[in-house]
Amino acid sequence: MIHNVFNKDLLTQYREPQFKEQHMEMAPPPDIINEEEEYEVEEVQNYRKQRYGMQFLVHWKGYGNKYDQWIVEMGLLHATEVIEDYWTKLLSWSL
């Protein structure tokens, strides 16, 4: 049997956050579809061309900006509507 040992002198007492930015949001649990975790893309924020194709910077629904990720286009097969909305918005800005 393995026992984990930790020196109690290294612990510090928990203090409530003083500032709004210090509060951690509880992220919603992912949807389970066909026994796999699924996360909903709320918005595409940017794109870039890479050697192996297009990537999109996605903002996940219910999560803070620190969780935004660059996702390859093939990984967003169920987010086509959100990607189309992004292109529409991008084209309207360029007019």
N, C-alpha and C. Protein backbone atom coordinates (compact mmCIF):
# COMPACT_ATOMS: atom_id res chain seq x y z
N MET A 1 0.85 -1.18 0.00
CA MET A 1 0.00 0.00 0.00
C MET A 1 0.89 1.24 0.00
N ILE A 2 0.52 2.23 -0.81
CA ILE A 2 1.29 3.47 -0.90
C ILE A 2 0.61 4.52 -0.03
N HIS A 3 1.40 5.21 0.79
CA HIS A 3 0.88 6.29 1.62
C HIS A 3 1.49 7.60 1.15
N ASN A 4 0.66 8.60 0.98
CA ASN A 4 1.15 9.92 0.64
C ASN A 4 1.42 10.69 1.92
N VAL A 5 2.61 11.28 1.99
CA VAL A 5 3.01 12.02 3.18
C VAL A 5 3.26 13.46 2.77
N PHE A 6 2.75 14.40 3.59
CA PHE A 6 2.94 15.81 3.30
C PHE A 6 3.24 16.52 4.61
N ASN A 7 4.22 17.40 4.60
CA ASN A 7 4.62 18.14 5.79
C ASN A 7 3.58 19.22 6.08
N LYS A 8 2.91 19.13 7.23
CA LYS A 8 1.85 20.09 7.58
C LYS A 8 2.39 21.50 7.78
N ASP A 9 3.68 21.66 8.04
CA ASP A 9 4.27 22.99 8.23
C ASP A 9 4.31 23.78 6.92
N LEU A 10 4.17 23.09 5.80
CA LEU A 10 4.16 23.77 4.50
C LEU A 10 2.78 24.29 4.12
N LEU A 11 1.76 23.94 4.87
CA LEU A 11 0.40 24.37 4.58
C LEU A 11 0.16 25.78 5.11
N THR A 12 -0.70 26.51 4.41
CA THR A 12 -1.13 27.82 4.89
C THR A 12 -2.65 27.81 4.99
N GLN A 13 -3.19 28.62 5.86
CA GLN A 13 -4.62 28.67 6.06
C GLN A 13 -5.30 29.34 4.87
N TYR A 14 -6.45 28.82 4.47
CA TYR A 14 -7.23 29.36 3.36
C TYR A 14 -7.78 30.72 3.74
N ARG A 15 -7.71 31.67 2.80
CA ARG A 15 -8.30 32.99 2.98
C ARG A 15 -9.24 33.26 1.82
N GLU A 16 -10.38 33.85 2.11
CA GLU A 16 -11.34 34.21 1.07
C GLU A 16 -10.70 35.22 0.12
N PRO A 17 -11.01 35.15 -1.18
CA PRO A 17 -10.47 36.13 -2.14
C PRO A 17 -10.92 37.54 -1.79
N GLN A 18 -10.02 38.50 -1.95
CA GLN A 18 -10.32 39.89 -1.63
C GLN A 18 -10.88 40.66 -2.83
N PHE A 19 -10.52 40.23 -4.03
CA PHE A 19 -10.90 40.97 -5.23
C PHE A 19 -11.74 40.10 -6.15
N LYS A 20 -12.58 40.74 -6.95
CA LYS A 20 -13.48 40.03 -7.86
C LYS A 20 -12.71 39.10 -8.80
N GLU A 21 -11.53 39.56 -9.27
CA GLU A 21 -10.75 38.78 -10.23
C GLU A 21 -10.19 37.49 -9.62
N GLN A 22 -10.15 37.41 -8.30
CA GLN A 22 -9.60 36.24 -7.63
C GLN A 22 -10.62 35.11 -7.50
N HIS A 23 -11.89 35.41 -7.70
CA HIS A 23 -12.92 34.38 -7.56
C HIS A 23 -12.86 33.45 -8.76
N MET A 24 -12.85 32.18 -8.50
CA MET A 24 -12.83 31.18 -9.57
C MET A 24 -14.27 30.80 -9.90
N GLU A 25 -14.59 30.86 -11.18
CA GLU A 25 -15.91 30.46 -11.63
C GLU A 25 -15.98 28.94 -11.67
N MET A 26 -17.11 28.41 -11.31
CA MET A 26 -17.31 26.98 -11.45
C MET A 26 -17.73 26.72 -12.90
N ALA A 27 -16.95 25.94 -13.59
CA ALA A 27 -17.27 25.63 -14.98
C ALA A 27 -18.38 24.59 -15.01
N PRO A 28 -19.28 24.70 -15.97
CA PRO A 28 -20.36 23.71 -16.06
C PRO A 28 -19.80 22.37 -16.50
N PRO A 29 -20.43 21.29 -16.09
CA PRO A 29 -19.94 19.98 -16.53
C PRO A 29 -20.20 19.81 -18.03
N PRO A 30 -19.37 19.05 -18.71
CA PRO A 30 -19.59 18.84 -20.15
C PRO A 30 -20.82 17.97 -20.38
N ASP A 31 -21.39 18.10 -21.59
CA ASP A 31 -22.46 17.19 -21.98
C ASP A 31 -21.83 15.84 -22.29
N ILE A 32 -22.53 14.77 -22.02
CA ILE A 32 -22.05 13.43 -22.35
C ILE A 32 -22.89 12.94 -23.52
N ILE A 33 -22.23 12.76 -24.67
CA ILE A 33 -22.90 12.30 -25.88
C ILE A 33 -22.14 11.08 -26.38
N ASN A 34 -22.86 9.97 -26.53
CA ASN A 34 -22.25 8.70 -26.94
C ASN A 34 -21.05 8.35 -26.04
N GLU A 35 -21.25 8.57 -24.74
CA GLU A 35 -20.26 8.25 -23.71
C GLU A 35 -18.97 9.07 -23.84
N GLU A 36 -19.03 10.21 -24.51
CA GLU A 36 -17.88 11.10 -24.63
C GLU A 36 -18.26 12.50 -24.18
N GLU A 37 -17.28 13.19 -23.56
CA GLU A 37 -17.52 14.56 -23.12
C GLU A 37 -17.58 15.49 -24.33
N GLU A 38 -18.59 16.36 -24.34
CA GLU A 38 -18.75 17.33 -25.42
C GLU A 38 -18.86 18.72 -24.79
N TYR A 39 -18.14 19.69 -25.34
CA TYR A 39 -18.18 21.06 -24.88
C TYR A 39 -18.74 21.92 -26.00
N GLU A 40 -19.51 22.94 -25.65
CA GLU A 40 -20.16 23.79 -26.65
C GLU A 40 -19.31 25.02 -26.94
N VAL A 41 -19.09 25.27 -28.22
CA VAL A 41 -18.38 26.47 -28.65
C VAL A 41 -19.36 27.63 -28.61
N GLU A 42 -19.04 28.64 -27.82
CA GLU A 42 -19.92 29.82 -27.76
C GLU A 42 -19.61 30.79 -28.88
N GLU A 43 -18.31 30.92 -29.20
CA GLU A 43 -17.91 31.93 -30.18
C GLU A 43 -16.54 31.60 -30.74
N VAL A 44 -16.36 31.88 -32.02
CA VAL A 44 -15.04 31.86 -32.64
C VAL A 44 -14.52 33.29 -32.58
N GLN A 45 -13.30 33.45 -32.07
CA GLN A 45 -12.76 34.80 -31.87
C GLN A 45 -11.69 35.20 -32.88
N ASN A 46 -11.06 34.21 -33.51
CA ASN A 46 -10.00 34.52 -34.46
C ASN A 46 -9.72 33.27 -35.29
N TYR A 47 -8.89 33.41 -36.31
CA TYR A 47 -8.46 32.26 -37.09
C TYR A 47 -7.01 32.47 -37.51
N ARG A 48 -6.39 31.36 -37.86
CA ARG A 48 -5.03 31.42 -38.39
C ARG A 48 -4.80 30.21 -39.30
N LYS A 49 -3.96 30.43 -40.30
CA LYS A 49 -3.61 29.34 -41.20
C LYS A 49 -2.32 28.72 -40.71
N GLN A 50 -2.34 27.42 -40.55
CA GLN A 50 -1.17 26.67 -40.13
C GLN A 50 -0.75 25.76 -41.29
N ARG A 51 0.38 25.16 -41.14
CA ARG A 51 0.91 24.28 -42.18
C ARG A 51 -0.08 23.18 -42.54
N TYR A 52 -0.81 22.69 -41.54
CA TYR A 52 -1.71 21.56 -41.77
C TYR A 52 -3.17 21.96 -41.84
N GLY A 53 -3.45 23.23 -42.06
CA GLY A 53 -4.83 23.66 -42.21
C GLY A 53 -5.18 24.85 -41.35
N MET A 54 -6.46 25.13 -41.26
CA MET A 54 -6.99 26.28 -40.55
C MET A 54 -7.22 25.93 -39.08
N GLN A 55 -6.95 26.91 -38.20
CA GLN A 55 -7.27 26.78 -36.78
C GLN A 55 -8.13 27.97 -36.38
N PHE A 56 -9.02 27.73 -35.42
CA PHE A 56 -9.89 28.77 -34.90
C PHE A 56 -9.66 28.91 -33.40
N LEU A 57 -9.65 30.15 -32.94
CA LEU A 57 -9.59 30.42 -31.51
C LEU A 57 -11.02 30.40 -31.01
N VAL A 58 -11.33 29.41 -30.18
CA VAL A 58 -12.71 29.24 -29.72
C VAL A 58 -12.85 29.61 -28.25
N HIS A 59 -14.02 30.17 -27.95
CA HIS A 59 -14.41 30.47 -26.58
C HIS A 59 -15.50 29.47 -26.23
N TRP A 60 -15.27 28.70 -25.16
CA TRP A 60 -16.19 27.65 -24.76
C TRP A 60 -17.32 28.23 -23.91
N LYS A 61 -18.53 27.80 -24.16
CA LYS A 61 -19.71 28.28 -23.43
C LYS A 61 -19.60 27.90 -21.96
N GLY A 62 -19.74 28.92 -21.10
CA GLY A 62 -19.71 28.70 -19.67
C GLY A 62 -18.33 28.78 -19.04
N TYR A 63 -17.31 29.02 -19.85
CA TYR A 63 -15.94 29.06 -19.35
C TYR A 63 -15.35 30.46 -19.54
N GLY A 64 -14.39 30.81 -18.71
CA GLY A 64 -13.73 32.10 -18.81
C GLY A 64 -12.75 32.14 -19.98
N ASN A 65 -12.26 33.33 -20.27
CA ASN A 65 -11.34 33.52 -21.40
C ASN A 65 -10.05 32.73 -21.27
N LYS A 66 -9.64 32.43 -20.06
CA LYS A 66 -8.38 31.69 -19.90
C LYS A 66 -8.47 30.27 -20.47
N TYR A 67 -9.67 29.80 -20.75
CA TYR A 67 -9.85 28.46 -21.32
C TYR A 67 -9.98 28.48 -22.85
N ASP A 68 -9.89 29.66 -23.47
CA ASP A 68 -9.96 29.75 -24.93
C ASP A 68 -8.83 28.92 -25.53
N GLN A 69 -9.11 28.28 -26.66
CA GLN A 69 -8.13 27.39 -27.29
C GLN A 69 -8.13 27.52 -28.80
N TRP A 70 -6.94 27.28 -29.36
CA TRP A 70 -6.83 27.14 -30.81
C TRP A 70 -7.17 25.70 -31.15
N ILE A 71 -8.19 25.52 -31.99
CA ILE A 71 -8.65 24.19 -32.37
C ILE A 71 -8.60 24.07 -33.89
N VAL A 72 -8.04 22.97 -34.35
CA VAL A 72 -7.97 22.73 -35.80
C VAL A 72 -9.40 22.56 -36.34
N GLU A 73 -9.62 23.01 -37.55
CA GLU A 73 -10.95 23.02 -38.16
C GLU A 73 -11.63 21.66 -38.10
N MET A 74 -10.90 20.60 -38.31
CA MET A 74 -11.49 19.25 -38.29
C MET A 74 -11.99 18.87 -36.89
N GLY A 75 -11.52 19.54 -35.86
CA GLY A 75 -11.99 19.27 -34.51
C GLY A 75 -13.26 20.02 -34.16
N LEU A 76 -13.79 20.79 -35.12
CA LEU A 76 -14.98 21.60 -34.87
C LEU A 76 -16.12 21.23 -35.82
N LEU A 77 -16.23 19.97 -36.13
CA LEU A 77 -17.24 19.52 -37.10
C LEU A 77 -18.66 19.81 -36.64
N HIS A 78 -18.90 19.90 -35.34
CA HIS A 78 -20.25 20.16 -34.83
C HIS A 78 -20.47 21.64 -34.53
N ALA A 79 -19.53 22.49 -34.93
CA ALA A 79 -19.64 23.93 -34.66
C ALA A 79 -19.69 24.74 -35.94
N THR A 80 -20.22 24.15 -36.99
CA THR A 80 -20.22 24.83 -38.30
C THR A 80 -21.02 26.13 -38.26
N GLU A 81 -22.12 26.16 -37.51
CA GLU A 81 -22.94 27.37 -37.45
C GLU A 81 -22.16 28.52 -36.78
N VAL A 82 -21.43 28.21 -35.73
CA VAL A 82 -20.66 29.23 -35.03
C VAL A 82 -19.52 29.74 -35.93
N ILE A 83 -18.92 28.85 -36.70
CA ILE A 83 -17.86 29.25 -37.63
C ILE A 83 -18.44 30.14 -38.73
N GLU A 84 -19.60 29.77 -39.26
CA GLU A 84 -20.25 30.61 -40.28
C GLU A 84 -20.59 31.99 -39.72
N ASP A 85 -21.06 32.05 -38.48
CA ASP A 85 -21.34 33.34 -37.84
C ASP A 85 -20.07 34.19 -37.76
N TYR A 86 -18.95 33.55 -37.44
CA TYR A 86 -17.68 34.27 -37.35
C TYR A 86 -17.31 34.86 -38.71
N TRP A 87 -17.39 34.06 -39.79
CA TRP A 87 -17.04 34.56 -41.12
C TRP A 87 -17.97 35.70 -41.54
N THR A 88 -19.25 35.58 -41.23
CA THR A 88 -20.22 36.64 -41.57
C THR A 88 -19.85 37.93 -40.85
N LYS A 89 -19.54 37.83 -39.56
CA LYS A 89 -19.16 39.01 -38.79
C LYS A 89 -17.85 39.60 -39.33
N LEU A 90 -16.90 38.76 -39.66
CA LEU A 90 -15.61 39.22 -40.17
C LEU A 90 -15.78 39.95 -41.50
N LEU A 91 -16.61 39.40 -42.39
CA LEU A 91 -16.86 40.03 -43.68
C LEU A 91 -17.60 41.36 -43.53
N SER A 92 -18.52 41.45 -42.58
CA SER A 92 -19.24 42.70 -42.38
C SER A 92 -18.32 43.80 -41.86
N TRP A 93 -17.30 43.45 -41.11
CA TRP A 93 -16.33 44.44 -40.60
C TRP A 93 -15.47 44.98 -41.72
N SER A 94 -15.21 44.16 -42.74
CA SER A 94 -14.31 44.58 -43.81
C SER A 94 -15.01 45.46 -44.86
N LEU A 95 -16.31 45.57 -44.80
CA LEU A 95 -17.04 46.40 -45.77
C LEU A 95 -17.00 47.85 -45.44
